[in-house]
Amino acid sequence: MEAITNLKHILHSKRANIFYLEKCRLMQKSGRVVYLTEEKKNKQYWNIPIANTTVILLGTGTSITQAAVRMLCSAGVLFGFSGGGGTPLLAANEIEWMTPQSEYRPTEYIQAWMQFWFDKAKRLKVAKEFQKKRIEYLQSTWKKDLDLKMEGFDIKHQALNQALDKFTDKIDQCNDSTNLLLAEAQLTKFLYKYATTQTKHKGFKRKHDSLDDANAFLNHGNYLAYGLAATTLWVLGIPHGFAVMHGKTRRGALVFDIADLIKDTLILPWAFICAKEGANEKEFRQQCLENFTTHKAMDFMFDTIKDVCKKGEKQ
C-alpha cells in the first residue's frame, strides 16, 4: 500500500499520459493496473503507468475490475466511460467522470472560490479574467509554435490580430455573462472561419453530430481538454458546478469554463490541419497530447485557477 501512496508524489500538472482504451478489460495484476486484449488465441497484458497518468477514457467494449478502480483512485487518476473515439462521455458522478474520493484534498481553493462566487459582480470579473488569460495563452503559444506558423496560423496575421483586439475590448464592456458568452461565440466563429481559410477547408459548419473529420476531431479534442480541466478542478478540490460563465444549471459547467482556456489554442487549429492531412483519430489524439505537454496546458490551468483564487481572497 505504501508503494501505491508514493505514486501520488508526481504532480498532476507534470503527468504525461491520457489514455483512450476500447475492446479490452482493465484489471489489477501483480500490483499494477493492466489492460487485457485478445489477439486471436493469445491474451496480451499491457501496463498502464498510473503514476504518470491524468485521465483514462474507456471506450466501447471495455470493462474494469474493482481492484483496478481502487488502484487508479489511490494514484489520483480520473477516468470515465465514453462512446467510440472518446465521445460522448457517458458515466457520471461529477460531470461524466469517475472521481477518486479523498478526505485529504486541499480546502484552501474552494474556500477562496466561495469568497467571490456568490457575488454576481465578482463572478463576472473572474469570467472576464479567464477570457483575457485565454487570449494571452493563444497569442503566446501561436507566436512560438513553428508547426502552426508553417500551416498559416500566424499571430501576426492582420485579420486575426484585429479579431483578438476587438474581443479583448468587448470583454471589459460586457455587463453580464450572457453578453460575454455572445462575444466569445463571435470570436470562436471567426477562428473557425480563419482555420478553414488557412487549411482550405470548404463548406465547414460546426455540428457536434456531424461525421466529417473536422467536426469529429473538434469533438474528440474538446473532450481531452475537458479531461484536463476536470482533473485540475478535482486536484484543487473545487466542485464542477461552481461555474463563472457557462450555464449555472449544469453540474459540469466549470469544466467547460476551464477547458475553454486552451481549446481555441491547441485543439481548434489542429482539428482542421489533421482533417486536411487525412489523419486518423489516433494520429489526431497523439498530436493533441503532444500539444498539451509541449505548451504545458495543465500547468496553465492550475496557475490560472490558483491566481484567480488568490485575487478572490483580496477582493
C-alpha atoms as a PDB file:
ATOM      1  CA  MET A   1       0.000   0.000   0.000  1.00  0.00           C
ATOM      2  CA  GLU A   2       2.942   2.315   0.664  1.00  0.00           C
ATOM      3  CA  ALA A   3       4.096   1.920  -2.952  1.00  0.00           C
ATOM      4  CA  ILE A   4       0.671   2.997  -4.188  1.00  0.00           C
ATOM      5  CA  THR A   5       0.650   6.062  -1.939  1.00  0.00           C
ATOM      6  CA  ASN A   6       4.036   7.137  -3.274  1.00  0.00           C
ATOM      7  CA  LEU A   7       2.585   7.285  -6.772  1.00  0.00           C
ATOM      8  CA  LYS A   8       0.732  10.471  -5.868  1.00  0.00           C
ATOM      9  CA  HIS A   9       4.001  12.340  -5.424  1.00  0.00           C
ATOM     10  CA  ILE A  10       4.030  13.127  -9.167  1.00  0.00           C
ATOM     11  CA  LEU A  11       2.107  16.381  -9.633  1.00  0.00           C
ATOM     12  CA  HIS A  12      -0.880  16.077 -11.952  1.00  0.00           C
ATOM     13  CA  SER A  13       0.334  19.049 -13.962  1.00  0.00           C
ATOM     14  CA  LYS A  14       3.557  17.150 -14.681  1.00  0.00           C
ATOM     15  CA  ARG A  15       1.960  13.869 -15.722  1.00  0.00           C
ATOM     16  CA  ALA A  16       2.323  12.942 -19.364  1.00  0.00           C
ATOM     17  CA  ASN A  17      -0.428  10.479 -20.263  1.00  0.00           C
ATOM     18  CA  ILE A  18      -4.057  10.460 -21.300  1.00  0.00           C
ATOM     19  CA  PHE A  19      -5.309   7.039 -22.389  1.00  0.00           C
ATOM     20  CA  TYR A  20      -8.248   6.094 -24.574  1.00  0.00           C
ATOM     21  CA  LEU A  21      -8.951   2.347 -24.479  1.00  0.00           C
ATOM     22  CA  GLU A  22     -11.504   0.191 -26.258  1.00  0.00           C
ATOM     23  CA  LYS A  23     -12.300  -3.522 -26.602  1.00  0.00           C
ATOM     24  CA  CYS A  24     -10.270  -4.519 -23.566  1.00  0.00           C
ATOM     25  CA  ARG A  25     -10.523  -5.318 -19.860  1.00  0.00           C
ATOM     26  CA  LEU A  26      -8.763  -3.299 -17.161  1.00  0.00           C
ATOM     27  CA  MET A  27      -7.609  -5.197 -14.103  1.00  0.00           C
ATOM     28  CA  GLN A  28      -5.098  -5.284 -11.309  1.00  0.00           C
ATOM     29  CA  LYS A  29      -2.285  -7.765 -11.843  1.00  0.00           C
ATOM     30  CA  SER A  30       0.859  -8.186  -9.718  1.00  0.00           C
ATOM     31  CA  GLY A  31       0.453  -4.775  -8.123  1.00  0.00           C
ATOM     32  CA  ARG A  32      -0.062  -2.973 -11.432  1.00  0.00           C
ATOM     33  CA  VAL A  33      -3.034  -1.774 -13.467  1.00  0.00           C
ATOM     34  CA  VAL A  34      -3.042  -3.508 -16.848  1.00  0.00           C
ATOM     35  CA  TYR A  35      -5.434  -3.889 -19.735  1.00  0.00           C
ATOM     36  CA  LEU A  36      -6.036  -7.201 -21.436  1.00  0.00           C
ATOM     37  CA  THR A  37      -6.539  -7.619 -25.168  1.00  0.00           C
ATOM     38  CA  GLU A  38      -7.149 -10.802 -27.066  1.00  0.00           C
ATOM     39  CA  GLU A  39      -5.270 -11.382 -30.293  1.00  0.00           C
ATOM     40  CA  LYS A  40      -6.828 -14.471 -31.846  1.00  0.00           C
ATOM     41  CA  LYS A  41      -5.971 -17.117 -29.231  1.00  0.00           C
ATOM     42  CA  ASN A  42      -3.299 -15.139 -27.396  1.00  0.00           C
ATOM     43  CA  LYS A  43      -4.029 -12.899 -24.454  1.00  0.00           C
ATOM     44  CA  GLN A  44      -1.785  -9.862 -24.074  1.00  0.00           C
ATOM     45  CA  TYR A  45      -1.401  -7.680 -20.993  1.00  0.00           C
ATOM     46  CA  TRP A  46      -0.314  -4.052 -21.341  1.00  0.00           C
ATOM     47  CA  ASN A  47       0.813  -1.993 -18.381  1.00  0.00           C
ATOM     48  CA  ILE A  48      -0.670   1.453 -17.628  1.00  0.00           C
ATOM     49  CA  PRO A  49       1.810   3.774 -15.858  1.00  0.00           C
ATOM     50  CA  ILE A  50      -0.756   5.131 -13.408  1.00  0.00           C
ATOM     51  CA  ALA A  51       1.809   7.285 -11.588  1.00  0.00           C
ATOM     52  CA  ASN A  52       2.238   9.288 -14.779  1.00  0.00           C
ATOM     53  CA  THR A  53      -1.395   9.296 -15.964  1.00  0.00           C
ATOM     54  CA  THR A  54      -4.015  12.019 -15.565  1.00  0.00           C
ATOM     55  CA  VAL A  55      -7.078  10.704 -17.420  1.00  0.00           C
ATOM     56  CA  ILE A  56      -8.319   7.380 -18.807  1.00  0.00           C
ATOM     57  CA  LEU A  57     -11.242   7.215 -21.236  1.00  0.00           C
ATOM     58  CA  LEU A  58     -12.867   3.789 -21.501  1.00  0.00           C
ATOM     59  CA  GLY A  59     -14.490   3.378 -24.901  1.00  0.00           C
ATOM     60  CA  THR A  60     -16.704   0.712 -26.426  1.00  0.00           C
ATOM     61  CA  GLY A  61     -16.244  -2.892 -25.362  1.00  0.00           C
ATOM     62  CA  THR A  62     -14.370  -2.130 -22.138  1.00  0.00           C
ATOM     63  CA  SER A  63     -14.776  -3.324 -18.568  1.00  0.00           C
ATOM     64  CA  ILE A  64     -12.878  -2.667 -15.356  1.00  0.00           C
ATOM     65  CA  THR A  65     -12.438  -4.586 -12.120  1.00  0.00           C
ATOM     66  CA  GLN A  66     -12.947  -3.190  -8.638  1.00  0.00           C
ATOM     67  CA  ALA A  67      -9.276  -3.830  -7.796  1.00  0.00           C
ATOM     68  CA  ALA A  68      -8.204  -1.732 -10.786  1.00  0.00           C
ATOM     69  CA  VAL A  69     -10.566   1.080  -9.750  1.00  0.00           C
ATOM     70  CA  ARG A  70      -9.075   1.020  -6.258  1.00  0.00           C
ATOM     71  CA  MET A  71      -5.521   1.389  -7.609  1.00  0.00           C
ATOM     72  CA  LEU A  72      -6.498   4.160 -10.047  1.00  0.00           C
ATOM     73  CA  CYS A  73      -8.169   6.092  -7.240  1.00  0.00           C
ATOM     74  CA  SER A  74      -5.142   5.597  -4.981  1.00  0.00           C
ATOM     75  CA  ALA A  75      -2.959   7.159  -7.676  1.00  0.00           C
ATOM     76  CA  GLY A  76      -5.423  10.015  -8.272  1.00  0.00           C
ATOM     77  CA  VAL A  77      -6.266   9.040 -11.857  1.00  0.00           C
ATOM     78  CA  LEU A  78      -9.514  10.422 -13.243  1.00  0.00           C
ATOM     79  CA  PHE A  79     -11.420   8.006 -15.501  1.00  0.00           C
ATOM     80  CA  GLY A  80     -14.745   7.792 -17.287  1.00  0.00           C
ATOM     81  CA  PHE A  81     -16.711   5.672 -19.726  1.00  0.00           C
ATOM     82  CA  SER A  82     -17.260   7.086 -23.197  1.00  0.00           C
ATOM     83  CA  GLY A  83     -18.578   6.191 -26.605  1.00  0.00           C
ATOM     84  CA  GLY A  84     -16.401   5.263 -29.575  1.00  0.00           C
ATOM     85  CA  GLY A  85     -13.426   7.538 -30.134  1.00  0.00           C
ATOM     86  CA  GLY A  86     -13.800   9.124 -26.712  1.00  0.00           C
ATOM     87  CA  THR A  87     -17.131  10.874 -27.370  1.00  0.00           C
ATOM     88  CA  PRO A  88     -19.590  11.315 -25.882  1.00  0.00           C
ATOM     89  CA  LEU A  89     -18.804  10.710 -22.226  1.00  0.00           C
ATOM     90  CA  LEU A  90     -21.409   8.518 -20.571  1.00  0.00           C
ATOM     91  CA  ALA A  91     -20.708   7.657 -16.916  1.00  0.00           C
ATOM     92  CA  ALA A  92     -21.382  10.346 -14.370  1.00  0.00           C
ATOM     93  CA  ASN A  93     -20.982  11.295 -10.766  1.00  0.00           C
ATOM     94  CA  GLU A  94     -19.029  14.545 -11.256  1.00  0.00           C
ATOM     95  CA  ILE A  95     -19.952  15.696 -14.775  1.00  0.00           C
ATOM     96  CA  GLU A  96     -19.062  12.469 -16.671  1.00  0.00           C
ATOM     97  CA  TRP A  97     -16.029  11.474 -14.611  1.00  0.00           C
ATOM     98  CA  MET A  98     -15.497   8.801 -12.004  1.00  0.00           C
ATOM     99  CA  THR A  99     -13.582  10.891  -9.478  1.00  0.00           C
ATOM    100  CA  PRO A 100     -11.255   9.371  -6.881  1.00  0.00           C
ATOM    101  CA  GLN A 101     -12.528  10.171  -3.406  1.00  0.00           C
ATOM    102  CA  SER A 102     -10.264  11.513  -0.682  1.00  0.00           C
ATOM    103  CA  GLU A 103     -10.905  13.378   2.547  1.00  0.00           C
ATOM    104  CA  TYR A 104      -7.435  14.914   2.364  1.00  0.00           C
ATOM    105  CA  ARG A 105      -7.697  17.099  -0.720  1.00  0.00           C
ATOM    106  CA  PRO A 106      -6.972  20.794  -0.030  1.00  0.00           C
ATOM    107  CA  THR A 107      -9.799  23.088   1.026  1.00  0.00           C
ATOM    108  CA  GLU A 108      -7.998  26.417   0.592  1.00  0.00           C
ATOM    109  CA  TYR A 109      -9.020  26.793  -3.059  1.00  0.00           C
ATOM    110  CA  ILE A 110     -12.711  26.030  -2.641  1.00  0.00           C
ATOM    111  CA  GLN A 111     -12.790  28.422   0.339  1.00  0.00           C
ATOM    112  CA  ALA A 112     -11.188  31.161  -1.781  1.00  0.00           C
ATOM    113  CA  TRP A 113     -13.549  30.354  -4.665  1.00  0.00           C
ATOM    114  CA  MET A 114     -16.606  30.692  -2.437  1.00  0.00           C
ATOM    115  CA  GLN A 115     -15.497  34.121  -1.238  1.00  0.00           C
ATOM    116  CA  PHE A 116     -16.303  35.603  -4.652  1.00  0.00           C
ATOM    117  CA  TRP A 117     -18.642  33.081  -6.284  1.00  0.00           C
ATOM    118  CA  PHE A 118     -21.874  34.174  -4.554  1.00  0.00           C
ATOM    119  CA  ASP A 119     -21.305  37.780  -5.661  1.00  0.00           C
ATOM    120  CA  LYS A 120     -22.550  38.219  -9.253  1.00  0.00           C
ATOM    121  CA  ALA A 121     -20.236  41.164 -10.000  1.00  0.00           C
ATOM    122  CA  LYS A 122     -17.165  39.355  -8.665  1.00  0.00           C
ATOM    123  CA  ARG A 123     -18.110  36.203 -10.570  1.00  0.00           C
ATOM    124  CA  LEU A 124     -18.322  38.211 -13.798  1.00  0.00           C
ATOM    125  CA  LYS A 125     -14.933  39.752 -13.046  1.00  0.00           C
ATOM    126  CA  VAL A 126     -13.400  36.264 -12.804  1.00  0.00           C
ATOM    127  CA  ALA A 127     -15.109  35.205 -16.043  1.00  0.00           C
ATOM    128  CA  LYS A 128     -13.513  38.195 -17.779  1.00  0.00           C
ATOM    129  CA  GLU A 129     -10.152  37.272 -16.279  1.00  0.00           C
ATOM    130  CA  PHE A 130     -10.488  33.775 -17.762  1.00  0.00           C
ATOM    131  CA  GLN A 131     -11.183  35.218 -21.211  1.00  0.00           C
ATOM    132  CA  LYS A 132      -8.172  37.524 -21.020  1.00  0.00           C
ATOM    133  CA  LYS A 133      -5.955  34.617 -19.947  1.00  0.00           C
ATOM    134  CA  ARG A 134      -7.360  32.608 -22.856  1.00  0.00           C
ATOM    135  CA  ILE A 135      -6.324  35.266 -25.380  1.00  0.00           C
ATOM    136  CA  GLU A 136      -2.893  35.711 -23.811  1.00  0.00           C
ATOM    137  CA  TYR A 137      -2.300  31.954 -23.976  1.00  0.00           C
ATOM    138  CA  LEU A 138      -3.321  31.820 -27.639  1.00  0.00           C
ATOM    139  CA  GLN A 139      -1.071  34.742 -28.537  1.00  0.00           C
ATOM    140  CA  SER A 140       1.989  33.417 -26.709  1.00  0.00           C
ATOM    141  CA  THR A 141       1.522  29.828 -27.954  1.00  0.00           C
ATOM    142  CA  TRP A 142       0.887  30.605 -31.620  1.00  0.00           C
ATOM    143  CA  LYS A 143       3.791  33.060 -31.562  1.00  0.00           C
ATOM    144  CA  LYS A 144       6.320  30.339 -30.690  1.00  0.00           C
ATOM    145  CA  ASP A 145       4.757  27.257 -32.346  1.00  0.00           C
ATOM    146  CA  LEU A 146       6.676  26.793 -35.598  1.00  0.00           C
ATOM    147  CA  ASP A 147       4.423  23.971 -36.812  1.00  0.00           C
ATOM    148  CA  LEU A 148       1.354  26.195 -36.587  1.00  0.00           C
ATOM    149  CA  LYS A 149       3.171  29.006 -38.365  1.00  0.00           C
ATOM    150  CA  MET A 150       4.026  26.648 -41.226  1.00  0.00           C
ATOM    151  CA  GLU A 151       0.316  25.834 -41.538  1.00  0.00           C
ATOM    152  CA  GLY A 152      -0.585  29.529 -41.731  1.00  0.00           C
ATOM    153  CA  PHE A 153      -1.648  30.116 -38.118  1.00  0.00           C
ATOM    154  CA  ASP A 154       0.447  33.226 -37.602  1.00  0.00           C
ATOM    155  CA  ILE A 155      -0.307  35.544 -34.714  1.00  0.00           C
ATOM    156  CA  LYS A 156       0.966  38.451 -36.831  1.00  0.00           C
ATOM    157  CA  HIS A 157      -1.865  37.974 -39.336  1.00  0.00           C
ATOM    158  CA  GLN A 158      -3.758  41.287 -39.549  1.00  0.00           C
ATOM    159  CA  ALA A 159      -7.302  39.902 -39.537  1.00  0.00           C
ATOM    160  CA  LEU A 160      -6.505  37.627 -36.595  1.00  0.00           C
ATOM    161  CA  ASN A 161      -4.963  40.462 -34.611  1.00  0.00           C
ATOM    162  CA  GLN A 162      -7.953  42.683 -35.261  1.00  0.00           C
ATOM    163  CA  ALA A 163     -10.374  39.981 -34.115  1.00  0.00           C
ATOM    164  CA  LEU A 164      -8.422  39.324 -30.916  1.00  0.00           C
ATOM    165  CA  ASP A 165      -8.135  43.048 -30.150  1.00  0.00           C
ATOM    166  CA  LYS A 166     -11.855  43.528 -30.799  1.00  0.00           C
ATOM    167  CA  PHE A 167     -12.728  40.665 -28.445  1.00  0.00           C
ATOM    168  CA  THR A 168     -10.361  41.976 -25.763  1.00  0.00           C
ATOM    169  CA  ASP A 169     -12.085  45.379 -25.935  1.00  0.00           C
ATOM    170  CA  LYS A 170     -15.516  43.737 -25.695  1.00  0.00           C
ATOM    171  CA  ILE A 171     -14.524  41.807 -22.562  1.00  0.00           C
ATOM    172  CA  ASP A 172     -14.401  44.944 -20.426  1.00  0.00           C
ATOM    173  CA  GLN A 173     -17.628  46.289 -21.953  1.00  0.00           C
ATOM    174  CA  CYS A 174     -19.738  43.213 -21.130  1.00  0.00           C
ATOM    175  CA  ASN A 175     -22.032  43.825 -18.169  1.00  0.00           C
ATOM    176  CA  ASP A 176     -23.175  40.221 -17.683  1.00  0.00           C
ATOM    177  CA  SER A 177     -22.148  36.658 -18.505  1.00  0.00           C
ATOM    178  CA  THR A 178     -24.705  36.401 -21.336  1.00  0.00           C
ATOM    179  CA  ASN A 179     -23.057  39.231 -23.273  1.00  0.00           C
ATOM    180  CA  LEU A 180     -19.651  37.740 -22.531  1.00  0.00           C
ATOM    181  CA  LEU A 181     -20.763  34.384 -23.923  1.00  0.00           C
ATOM    182  CA  LEU A 182     -22.080  36.127 -27.035  1.00  0.00           C
ATOM    183  CA  ALA A 183     -18.755  37.908 -27.568  1.00  0.00           C
ATOM    184  CA  GLU A 184     -16.933  34.614 -27.058  1.00  0.00           C
ATOM    185  CA  ALA A 185     -19.182  32.897 -29.617  1.00  0.00           C
ATOM    186  CA  GLN A 186     -18.385  35.595 -32.166  1.00  0.00           C
ATOM    187  CA  LEU A 187     -14.648  35.115 -31.625  1.00  0.00           C
ATOM    188  CA  THR A 188     -14.956  31.344 -31.956  1.00  0.00           C
ATOM    189  CA  LYS A 189     -16.940  31.773 -35.171  1.00  0.00           C
ATOM    190  CA  PHE A 190     -14.142  33.945 -36.544  1.00  0.00           C
ATOM    191  CA  LEU A 191     -11.496  31.379 -35.525  1.00  0.00           C
ATOM    192  CA  TYR A 192     -13.427  28.633 -37.341  1.00  0.00           C
ATOM    193  CA  LYS A 193     -13.519  30.825 -40.444  1.00  0.00           C
ATOM    194  CA  TYR A 194      -9.832  31.675 -40.079  1.00  0.00           C
ATOM    195  CA  ALA A 195      -8.897  28.000 -39.707  1.00  0.00           C
ATOM    196  CA  THR A 196     -10.963  26.931 -42.717  1.00  0.00           C
ATOM    197  CA  THR A 197      -9.305  29.646 -44.814  1.00  0.00           C
ATOM    198  CA  GLN A 198      -5.767  28.698 -43.766  1.00  0.00           C
ATOM    199  CA  THR A 199      -6.368  24.982 -44.367  1.00  0.00           C
ATOM    200  CA  LYS A 200      -8.583  25.475 -47.466  1.00  0.00           C
ATOM    201  CA  HIS A 201     -11.370  23.513 -45.799  1.00  0.00           C
ATOM    202  CA  LYS A 202     -14.530  24.386 -47.727  1.00  0.00           C
ATOM    203  CA  GLY A 203     -18.122  24.189 -46.557  1.00  0.00           C
ATOM    204  CA  PHE A 204     -17.441  23.748 -42.842  1.00  0.00           C
ATOM    205  CA  LYS A 205     -20.296  24.139 -40.360  1.00  0.00           C
ATOM    206  CA  ARG A 206     -19.835  23.380 -36.675  1.00  0.00           C
ATOM    207  CA  LYS A 207     -22.179  20.500 -35.854  1.00  0.00           C
ATOM    208  CA  HIS A 208     -21.477  18.222 -32.913  1.00  0.00           C
ATOM    209  CA  ASP A 209     -23.246  15.277 -34.521  1.00  0.00           C
ATOM    210  CA  SER A 210     -21.612  15.707 -37.930  1.00  0.00           C
ATOM    211  CA  LEU A 211     -19.451  12.865 -39.252  1.00  0.00           C
ATOM    212  CA  ASP A 212     -16.886  14.927 -41.177  1.00  0.00           C
ATOM    213  CA  ASP A 213     -13.300  14.773 -39.889  1.00  0.00           C
ATOM    214  CA  ALA A 214     -13.019  18.387 -38.720  1.00  0.00           C
ATOM    215  CA  ASN A 215     -16.144  18.195 -36.539  1.00  0.00           C
ATOM    216  CA  ALA A 216     -15.201  14.742 -35.225  1.00  0.00           C
ATOM    217  CA  PHE A 217     -11.693  15.930 -34.335  1.00  0.00           C
ATOM    218  CA  LEU A 218     -13.091  19.028 -32.609  1.00  0.00           C
ATOM    219  CA  ASN A 219     -15.389  16.833 -30.510  1.00  0.00           C
ATOM    220  CA  HIS A 220     -12.581  14.433 -29.645  1.00  0.00           C
ATOM    221  CA  GLY A 221     -10.040  17.138 -28.811  1.00  0.00           C
ATOM    222  CA  ASN A 222     -12.530  19.085 -26.713  1.00  0.00           C
ATOM    223  CA  TYR A 223     -13.223  16.024 -24.578  1.00  0.00           C
ATOM    224  CA  LEU A 224      -9.481  15.638 -23.992  1.00  0.00           C
ATOM    225  CA  ALA A 225      -9.436  19.257 -22.800  1.00  0.00           C
ATOM    226  CA  TYR A 226     -12.427  18.503 -20.529  1.00  0.00           C
ATOM    227  CA  GLY A 227     -10.377  15.678 -19.027  1.00  0.00           C
ATOM    228  CA  LEU A 228      -7.538  18.046 -18.160  1.00  0.00           C
ATOM    229  CA  ALA A 229      -9.965  20.613 -16.742  1.00  0.00           C
ATOM    230  CA  ALA A 230     -11.834  18.031 -14.646  1.00  0.00           C
ATOM    231  CA  THR A 231      -8.562  16.680 -13.257  1.00  0.00           C
ATOM    232  CA  THR A 232      -7.315  20.167 -12.393  1.00  0.00           C
ATOM    233  CA  LEU A 233     -10.519  21.003 -10.520  1.00  0.00           C
ATOM    234  CA  TRP A 234     -10.557  17.652  -8.702  1.00  0.00           C
ATOM    235  CA  VAL A 235      -6.961  18.060  -7.515  1.00  0.00           C
ATOM    236  CA  LEU A 236      -7.681  21.589  -6.241  1.00  0.00           C
ATOM    237  CA  GLY A 237     -10.924  20.449  -4.619  1.00  0.00           C
ATOM    238  CA  ILE A 238     -13.286  22.799  -6.487  1.00  0.00           C
ATOM    239  CA  PRO A 239     -16.678  21.243  -7.441  1.00  0.00           C
ATOM    240  CA  HIS A 240     -17.530  21.390 -11.131  1.00  0.00           C
ATOM    241  CA  GLY A 241     -20.856  23.127 -10.595  1.00  0.00           C
ATOM    242  CA  PHE A 242     -19.445  26.485  -9.460  1.00  0.00           C
ATOM    243  CA  ALA A 243     -19.126  27.967 -12.940  1.00  0.00           C
ATOM    244  CA  VAL A 244     -18.402  31.627 -13.612  1.00  0.00           C
ATOM    245  CA  MET A 245     -19.530  31.820 -17.225  1.00  0.00           C
ATOM    246  CA  HIS A 246     -21.356  28.755 -18.588  1.00  0.00           C
ATOM    247  CA  GLY A 247     -24.847  27.686 -17.540  1.00  0.00           C
ATOM    248  CA  LYS A 248     -25.367  27.625 -13.786  1.00  0.00           C
ATOM    249  CA  THR A 249     -27.879  24.785 -14.178  1.00  0.00           C
ATOM    250  CA  ARG A 250     -25.290  22.310 -15.477  1.00  0.00           C
ATOM    251  CA  ARG A 251     -23.282  20.398 -12.882  1.00  0.00           C
ATOM    252  CA  GLY A 252     -20.177  20.342 -15.057  1.00  0.00           C
ATOM    253  CA  ALA A 253     -20.215  23.934 -16.277  1.00  0.00           C
ATOM    254  CA  LEU A 254     -16.954  24.933 -14.572  1.00  0.00           C
ATOM    255  CA  VAL A 255     -15.194  22.180 -16.504  1.00  0.00           C
ATOM    256  CA  PHE A 256     -16.232  23.945 -19.711  1.00  0.00           C
ATOM    257  CA  ASP A 257     -15.019  27.289 -18.366  1.00  0.00           C
ATOM    258  CA  ILE A 258     -11.564  25.883 -17.616  1.00  0.00           C
ATOM    259  CA  ALA A 259     -11.297  23.834 -20.820  1.00  0.00           C
ATOM    260  CA  ASP A 260     -12.005  26.989 -22.842  1.00  0.00           C
ATOM    261  CA  LEU A 261      -8.659  28.353 -21.669  1.00  0.00           C
ATOM    262  CA  ILE A 262      -6.856  26.046 -24.121  1.00  0.00           C
ATOM    263  CA  LYS A 263      -9.383  24.762 -26.676  1.00  0.00           C
ATOM    264  CA  ASP A 264      -9.019  27.557 -29.243  1.00  0.00           C
ATOM    265  CA  THR A 265      -5.245  27.493 -28.933  1.00  0.00           C
ATOM    266  CA  LEU A 266      -4.412  23.772 -29.015  1.00  0.00           C
ATOM    267  CA  ILE A 267      -7.475  21.907 -30.336  1.00  0.00           C
ATOM    268  CA  LEU A 268      -9.168  24.107 -32.950  1.00  0.00           C
ATOM    269  CA  PRO A 269      -6.280  24.643 -35.407  1.00  0.00           C
ATOM    270  CA  TRP A 270      -5.083  21.039 -35.290  1.00  0.00           C
ATOM    271  CA  ALA A 271      -8.582  19.671 -35.917  1.00  0.00           C
ATOM    272  CA  PHE A 272      -8.553  21.404 -39.313  1.00  0.00           C
ATOM    273  CA  ILE A 273      -4.874  20.670 -40.037  1.00  0.00           C
ATOM    274  CA  CYS A 274      -5.314  16.951 -39.313  1.00  0.00           C
ATOM    275  CA  ALA A 275      -8.536  16.866 -41.357  1.00  0.00           C
ATOM    276  CA  LYS A 276      -6.673  18.426 -44.287  1.00  0.00           C
ATOM    277  CA  GLU A 277      -3.844  15.897 -43.992  1.00  0.00           C
ATOM    278  CA  GLY A 278      -6.231  12.946 -43.792  1.00  0.00           C
ATOM    279  CA  ALA A 279      -5.042  11.919 -40.322  1.00  0.00           C
ATOM    280  CA  ASN A 280      -6.930   9.255 -38.428  1.00  0.00           C
ATOM    281  CA  GLU A 281      -8.344   9.581 -34.938  1.00  0.00           C
ATOM    282  CA  LYS A 282      -5.310   8.069 -33.231  1.00  0.00           C
ATOM    283  CA  GLU A 283      -2.921  10.425 -35.023  1.00  0.00           C
ATOM    284  CA  PHE A 284      -5.040  13.452 -34.105  1.00  0.00           C
ATOM    285  CA  ARG A 285      -5.238  12.367 -30.477  1.00  0.00           C
ATOM    286  CA  GLN A 286      -1.460  11.938 -30.344  1.00  0.00           C
ATOM    287  CA  GLN A 287      -0.999  15.426 -31.776  1.00  0.00           C
ATOM    288  CA  CYS A 288      -3.276  16.878 -29.088  1.00  0.00           C
ATOM    289  CA  LEU A 289      -1.413  15.115 -26.293  1.00  0.00           C
ATOM    290  CA  GLU A 290       1.906  16.367 -27.630  1.00  0.00           C
ATOM    291  CA  ASN A 291       0.455  19.890 -27.712  1.00  0.00           C
ATOM    292  CA  PHE A 292      -0.683  19.597 -24.089  1.00  0.00           C
ATOM    293  CA  THR A 293       2.794  18.558 -22.992  1.00  0.00           C
ATOM    294  CA  THR A 294       4.786  20.957 -25.181  1.00  0.00           C
ATOM    295  CA  HIS A 295       2.748  24.019 -24.245  1.00  0.00           C
ATOM    296  CA  LYS A 296       2.178  22.999 -20.603  1.00  0.00           C
ATOM    297  CA  ALA A 297      -1.605  23.157 -20.880  1.00  0.00           C
ATOM    298  CA  MET A 298      -2.288  21.660 -17.481  1.00  0.00           C
ATOM    299  CA  ASP A 299       0.249  23.898 -15.749  1.00  0.00           C
ATOM    300  CA  PHE A 300      -1.556  26.853 -17.319  1.00  0.00           C
ATOM    301  CA  MET A 301      -4.914  25.634 -15.975  1.00  0.00           C
ATOM    302  CA  PHE A 302      -3.530  25.157 -12.471  1.00  0.00           C
ATOM    303  CA  ASP A 303      -1.769  28.528 -12.463  1.00  0.00           C
ATOM    304  CA  THR A 304      -4.851  30.361 -13.754  1.00  0.00           C
ATOM    305  CA  ILE A 305      -7.182  28.907 -11.114  1.00  0.00           C
ATOM    306  CA  LYS A 306      -4.684  29.484  -8.308  1.00  0.00           C
ATOM    307  CA  ASP A 307      -4.176  33.085  -9.449  1.00  0.00           C
ATOM    308  CA  VAL A 308      -7.936  33.690  -9.526  1.00  0.00           C
ATOM    309  CA  CYS A 309      -8.320  32.201  -6.046  1.00  0.00           C
ATOM    310  CA  LYS A 310      -5.525  34.410  -4.723  1.00  0.00           C
ATOM    311  CA  LYS A 311      -7.125  37.521  -6.188  1.00  0.00           C
ATOM    312  CA  GLY A 312     -10.549  36.441  -4.948  1.00  0.00           C
ATOM    313  CA  GLU A 313      -9.305  36.373  -1.365  1.00  0.00           C
ATOM    314  CA  LYS A 314      -8.224  40.011  -1.698  1.00  0.00           C
ATOM    315  CA  GLN A 315     -11.488  41.285  -3.219  1.00  0.00           C
END
